[in-house]
């Protein structure tokens, strides 16, 4: 790492939601590039509670060079970035998780090269990570096959937006069809972290024969 890339820059990390990988990756990366990090966790502040989001944004821009926010409500980070004159990075909201997808895309690009017209299969909940995968598919022009349980669908506004641009998003409940011809298979939990709602095993657990064949497909791709 070249510490001259980000010398003496001050980056505030607002983490309302606990984190292991996201927090450490930001802190280590920023420090390796010559910057300094300052963590404000969920015990120290909640956006919009003790002070308004607008006031918090204006105060921090007097001290920091960048703000990284990991929070619950997506509207909170949108409001913060609209008011602040600083770069604001989305380190996760309930709506999207772009940094995780960017990290995955870097790894995929290292193995597959250009992502254009590649086929990526997703198995998992229709959560904030999938939201960012859909956005990435539109921006980078690759096909995204979504394998999710029946009755569980991605954000309809996002799907409508994606289909207007490239029509490369497909939703399927058959795991074999989802993974067929895929250049890369991505798996996630069937129930997202922090989601305490009751989930029917009949809905979420695939048939054993499908699960075995999908696993074999994944092994072949590896």
Protein backbone atom coordinates (compact mmCIF):
# COMPACT_ATOMS: atom_id res chain seq x y z
CA UNK A 1 0.00 0.00 0.00
CA UNK A 2 1.14 3.53 -0.77
CA UNK A 3 0.53 5.76 2.28
CA UNK A 4 0.84 8.84 0.06
CA UNK A 5 -2.56 8.16 -1.54
CA UNK A 6 -4.58 9.40 1.45
CA UNK A 7 -2.09 11.30 3.63
CA UNK A 8 -3.36 12.82 6.89
CA UNK A 9 -6.99 12.59 5.85
CA UNK A 10 -9.53 12.26 8.65
CA UNK A 11 -12.36 9.78 8.10
CA UNK A 12 -15.29 9.49 10.51
CA UNK A 13 -17.00 6.09 10.72
CA UNK A 14 -20.61 6.31 11.93
CA UNK A 15 -21.60 2.72 12.70
CA UNK A 16 -25.10 2.49 14.16
CA UNK A 17 -25.10 -1.22 13.34
CA UNK A 18 -22.36 -3.48 14.76
CA UNK A 19 -19.84 -4.77 12.26
CA UNK A 20 -16.78 -7.00 12.02
CA UNK A 21 -15.58 -7.22 8.39
CA UNK A 22 -16.91 -3.86 7.20
CA UNK A 23 -15.44 -1.89 10.07
CA UNK A 24 -12.03 -3.59 10.05
CA UNK A 25 -11.68 -3.41 6.27
CA UNK A 26 -12.37 0.33 6.30
CA UNK A 27 -10.09 1.05 9.25
CA UNK A 28 -7.19 -1.03 7.96
CA UNK A 29 -7.56 0.22 4.38
CA UNK A 30 -7.74 3.89 5.35
CA UNK A 31 -4.76 3.59 7.68
CA UNK A 32 -2.71 1.74 5.07
CA UNK A 33 -3.35 4.63 2.67
CA UNK A 34 -2.12 7.18 5.21
CA UNK A 35 -5.46 8.33 6.63
CA UNK A 36 -6.86 8.27 10.15
CA UNK A 37 -10.20 6.90 11.32
CA UNK A 38 -12.54 7.92 14.13
CA UNK A 39 -15.33 5.54 15.13
CA UNK A 40 -18.72 6.67 16.42
CA UNK A 41 -20.64 3.53 17.35
CA UNK A 42 -24.27 2.88 18.26
CA UNK A 43 -23.62 3.66 21.95
CA UNK A 44 -22.22 7.09 21.17
CA UNK A 45 -24.73 8.40 18.63
CA UNK A 46 -27.79 7.62 16.55
CA UNK A 47 -28.39 9.74 13.47
CA UNK A 48 -31.20 12.19 14.01
CA UNK A 49 -31.77 11.51 17.71
CA UNK A 50 -29.78 13.78 19.99
CA UNK A 51 -28.97 16.15 17.12
CA UNK A 52 -30.57 16.45 13.72
CA UNK A 53 -28.92 14.75 10.78
CA UNK A 54 -28.38 18.18 9.22
CA UNK A 55 -26.55 19.48 12.31
CA UNK A 56 -24.40 16.35 12.54
CA UNK A 57 -23.42 16.63 8.87
CA UNK A 58 -22.48 20.29 9.16
CA UNK A 59 -20.42 19.76 12.32
CA UNK A 60 -18.48 16.81 10.93
CA UNK A 61 -17.62 18.54 7.66
CA UNK A 62 -15.65 21.09 9.68
CA UNK A 63 -13.35 18.40 11.02
CA UNK A 64 -13.33 15.44 8.65
CA UNK A 65 -12.45 14.79 5.03
CA UNK A 66 -14.87 11.89 4.53
CA UNK A 67 -17.71 10.13 6.34
CA UNK A 68 -18.54 6.42 6.22
CA UNK A 69 -22.03 5.52 7.44
CA UNK A 70 -23.48 2.14 8.41
CA UNK A 71 -27.04 2.67 9.57
CA UNK A 72 -30.57 1.30 9.44
CA UNK A 73 -32.65 3.73 7.41
CA UNK A 74 -31.56 4.46 3.83
CA UNK A 75 -33.26 7.86 4.02
CA UNK A 76 -30.85 8.81 6.80
CA UNK A 77 -27.75 8.43 4.65
CA UNK A 78 -29.46 10.13 1.71
CA UNK A 79 -30.34 13.11 3.89
CA UNK A 80 -26.81 13.25 5.34
CA UNK A 81 -25.14 13.18 1.92
CA UNK A 82 -27.51 15.81 0.56
CA UNK A 83 -26.59 18.26 3.34
CA UNK A 84 -22.88 17.46 3.67
CA UNK A 85 -20.17 18.77 1.36
CA UNK A 86 -18.01 15.73 2.16
CA UNK A 87 -17.82 12.41 0.31
CA UNK A 88 -20.22 10.00 2.06
CA UNK A 89 -19.79 6.23 1.70
CA UNK A 90 -22.66 3.81 2.24
CA UNK A 91 -21.23 1.02 4.42
CA UNK A 92 -24.69 -0.59 4.66
CA UNK A 93 -28.30 0.39 5.10
CA UNK A 94 -31.41 -1.75 5.30
CA UNK A 95 -31.89 -0.99 1.60
CA UNK A 96 -28.45 -1.60 0.07
CA UNK A 97 -24.90 -2.80 0.74
CA UNK A 98 -22.75 -1.53 -2.17
CA UNK A 99 -19.33 -1.95 -0.54
CA UNK A 100 -19.77 -5.70 -0.13
CA UNK A 101 -20.78 -6.02 -3.78
CA UNK A 102 -17.86 -3.87 -4.96
CA UNK A 103 -15.47 -6.16 -3.04
CA UNK A 104 -17.06 -9.22 -4.65
CA UNK A 105 -16.89 -7.62 -8.10
CA UNK A 106 -13.17 -6.93 -7.72
CA UNK A 107 -12.59 -10.62 -6.94
CA UNK A 108 -14.77 -11.77 -9.84
CA UNK A 109 -13.00 -9.41 -12.22
CA UNK A 110 -9.64 -10.82 -11.14
CA UNK A 111 -10.81 -14.27 -12.27
CA UNK A 112 -13.10 -13.51 -15.21
CA UNK A 113 -11.78 -10.23 -16.60
CA UNK A 114 -14.40 -7.97 -18.18
CA UNK A 115 -17.80 -8.38 -16.51
CA UNK A 116 -19.80 -7.24 -19.53
CA UNK A 117 -22.21 -9.95 -20.72
CA UNK A 118 -21.12 -12.38 -18.00
CA UNK A 119 -23.81 -14.40 -16.20
CA UNK A 120 -23.96 -14.31 -12.41
CA UNK A 121 -26.34 -16.44 -10.35
CA UNK A 122 -27.61 -15.37 -6.94
CA UNK A 123 -29.11 -17.72 -4.34
CA UNK A 124 -30.50 -16.17 -1.16
CA UNK A 125 -32.85 -13.73 0.45
CA UNK A 126 -34.04 -10.64 -1.43
CA UNK A 127 -32.05 -8.39 0.87
CA UNK A 128 -29.89 -5.26 0.77
CA UNK A 129 -26.98 -7.14 -0.81
CA UNK A 130 -29.16 -8.31 -3.69
CA UNK A 131 -30.36 -4.74 -4.16
CA UNK A 132 -26.77 -3.67 -4.79
CA UNK A 133 -26.18 -6.64 -7.11
CA UNK A 134 -29.14 -5.55 -9.22
CA UNK A 135 -27.75 -2.02 -9.42
CA UNK A 136 -24.31 -3.38 -10.35
CA UNK A 137 -25.83 -5.54 -13.10
CA UNK A 138 -27.35 -2.48 -14.72
CA UNK A 139 -24.24 -0.34 -14.40
CA UNK A 140 -21.76 -3.01 -15.55
CA UNK A 141 -24.06 -4.74 -18.07
CA UNK A 142 -23.94 -8.34 -16.89
CA UNK A 143 -26.78 -10.86 -16.59
CA UNK A 144 -28.07 -11.55 -13.09
CA UNK A 145 -30.17 -14.66 -12.40
CA UNK A 146 -31.90 -14.44 -9.03
CA UNK A 147 -32.82 -17.65 -7.24
CA UNK A 148 -35.13 -16.94 -4.32
CA UNK A 149 -37.96 -18.74 -2.51
CA UNK A 150 -41.48 -18.46 -3.88
CA UNK A 151 -43.30 -15.51 -2.42
CA UNK A 152 -40.06 -13.57 -1.86
CA UNK A 153 -39.25 -10.98 -4.49
CA UNK A 154 -36.77 -8.09 -4.86
CA UNK A 155 -37.79 -4.45 -4.64
CA UNK A 156 -40.29 -3.93 -7.46
CA UNK A 157 -39.20 -0.35 -8.14
CA UNK A 158 -35.61 -1.52 -8.57
CA UNK A 159 -36.61 -4.35 -10.92
CA UNK A 160 -38.71 -1.95 -12.97
CA UNK A 161 -35.78 0.49 -13.20
CA UNK A 162 -33.39 -2.29 -14.21
CA UNK A 163 -35.68 -3.69 -16.89
CA UNK A 164 -36.05 -0.28 -18.49
CA UNK A 165 -32.29 -0.13 -19.04
CA UNK A 166 -30.95 -3.57 -19.94
CA UNK A 167 -33.52 -6.32 -19.23
CA UNK A 168 -30.82 -8.66 -17.89
CA UNK A 169 -32.43 -9.40 -14.52
CA UNK A 170 -34.25 -12.74 -14.24
CA UNK A 171 -36.06 -14.22 -11.25
CA UNK A 172 -36.46 -17.99 -10.97
CA UNK A 173 -37.40 -20.42 -8.19
CA UNK A 174 -35.69 -23.42 -9.78
CA UNK A 175 -32.05 -23.62 -8.57
CA UNK A 176 -30.89 -25.67 -11.56
CA UNK A 177 -32.24 -23.14 -14.05
CA UNK A 178 -30.77 -20.25 -12.08
CA UNK A 179 -27.25 -21.70 -12.09
CA UNK A 180 -27.30 -23.12 -15.62
CA UNK A 181 -24.51 -21.56 -17.68
CA UNK A 182 -23.45 -19.20 -14.89
CA UNK A 183 -19.91 -17.81 -14.85
CA UNK A 184 -20.15 -17.25 -11.10
CA UNK A 185 -22.52 -18.45 -8.36
CA UNK A 186 -23.10 -16.27 -5.29
CA UNK A 187 -24.84 -17.63 -2.21
CA UNK A 188 -26.29 -15.85 0.80
CA UNK A 189 -28.44 -16.69 3.79
CA UNK A 190 -32.13 -17.45 3.28
CA UNK A 191 -32.91 -15.16 6.19
CA UNK A 192 -30.98 -11.91 6.52
CA UNK A 193 -29.00 -10.93 9.61
CA UNK A 194 -31.21 -9.16 12.13
CA UNK A 195 -34.43 -10.36 10.49
CA UNK A 196 -36.32 -11.90 13.40
CA UNK A 197 -39.45 -12.73 11.46
CA UNK A 198 -40.56 -16.34 11.40
CA UNK A 199 -39.72 -18.10 8.17
CA UNK A 200 -41.32 -21.31 6.97
CA UNK A 201 -38.79 -24.08 6.33
CA UNK A 202 -41.07 -25.36 3.59
CA UNK A 203 -40.66 -22.05 1.77
CA UNK A 204 -36.96 -21.55 2.37
CA UNK A 205 -35.38 -25.01 2.19
CA UNK A 206 -34.94 -26.31 -1.37
CA UNK A 207 -35.66 -29.94 -2.20
CA UNK A 208 -32.67 -32.12 -1.38
CA UNK A 209 -32.13 -33.19 -4.98
CA UNK A 210 -32.10 -29.59 -6.18
CA UNK A 211 -29.78 -28.56 -3.37
CA UNK A 212 -27.34 -31.38 -4.17
CA UNK A 213 -27.24 -30.60 -7.88
CA UNK A 214 -26.83 -26.89 -7.24
CA UNK A 215 -23.96 -27.69 -4.87
CA UNK A 216 -22.33 -29.83 -7.54
CA UNK A 217 -22.68 -26.99 -10.00
CA UNK A 218 -20.98 -24.65 -7.55
CA UNK A 219 -18.11 -27.11 -7.06
CA UNK A 220 -17.62 -27.38 -10.82
CA UNK A 221 -17.47 -23.61 -11.12
CA UNK A 222 -14.90 -23.44 -8.35
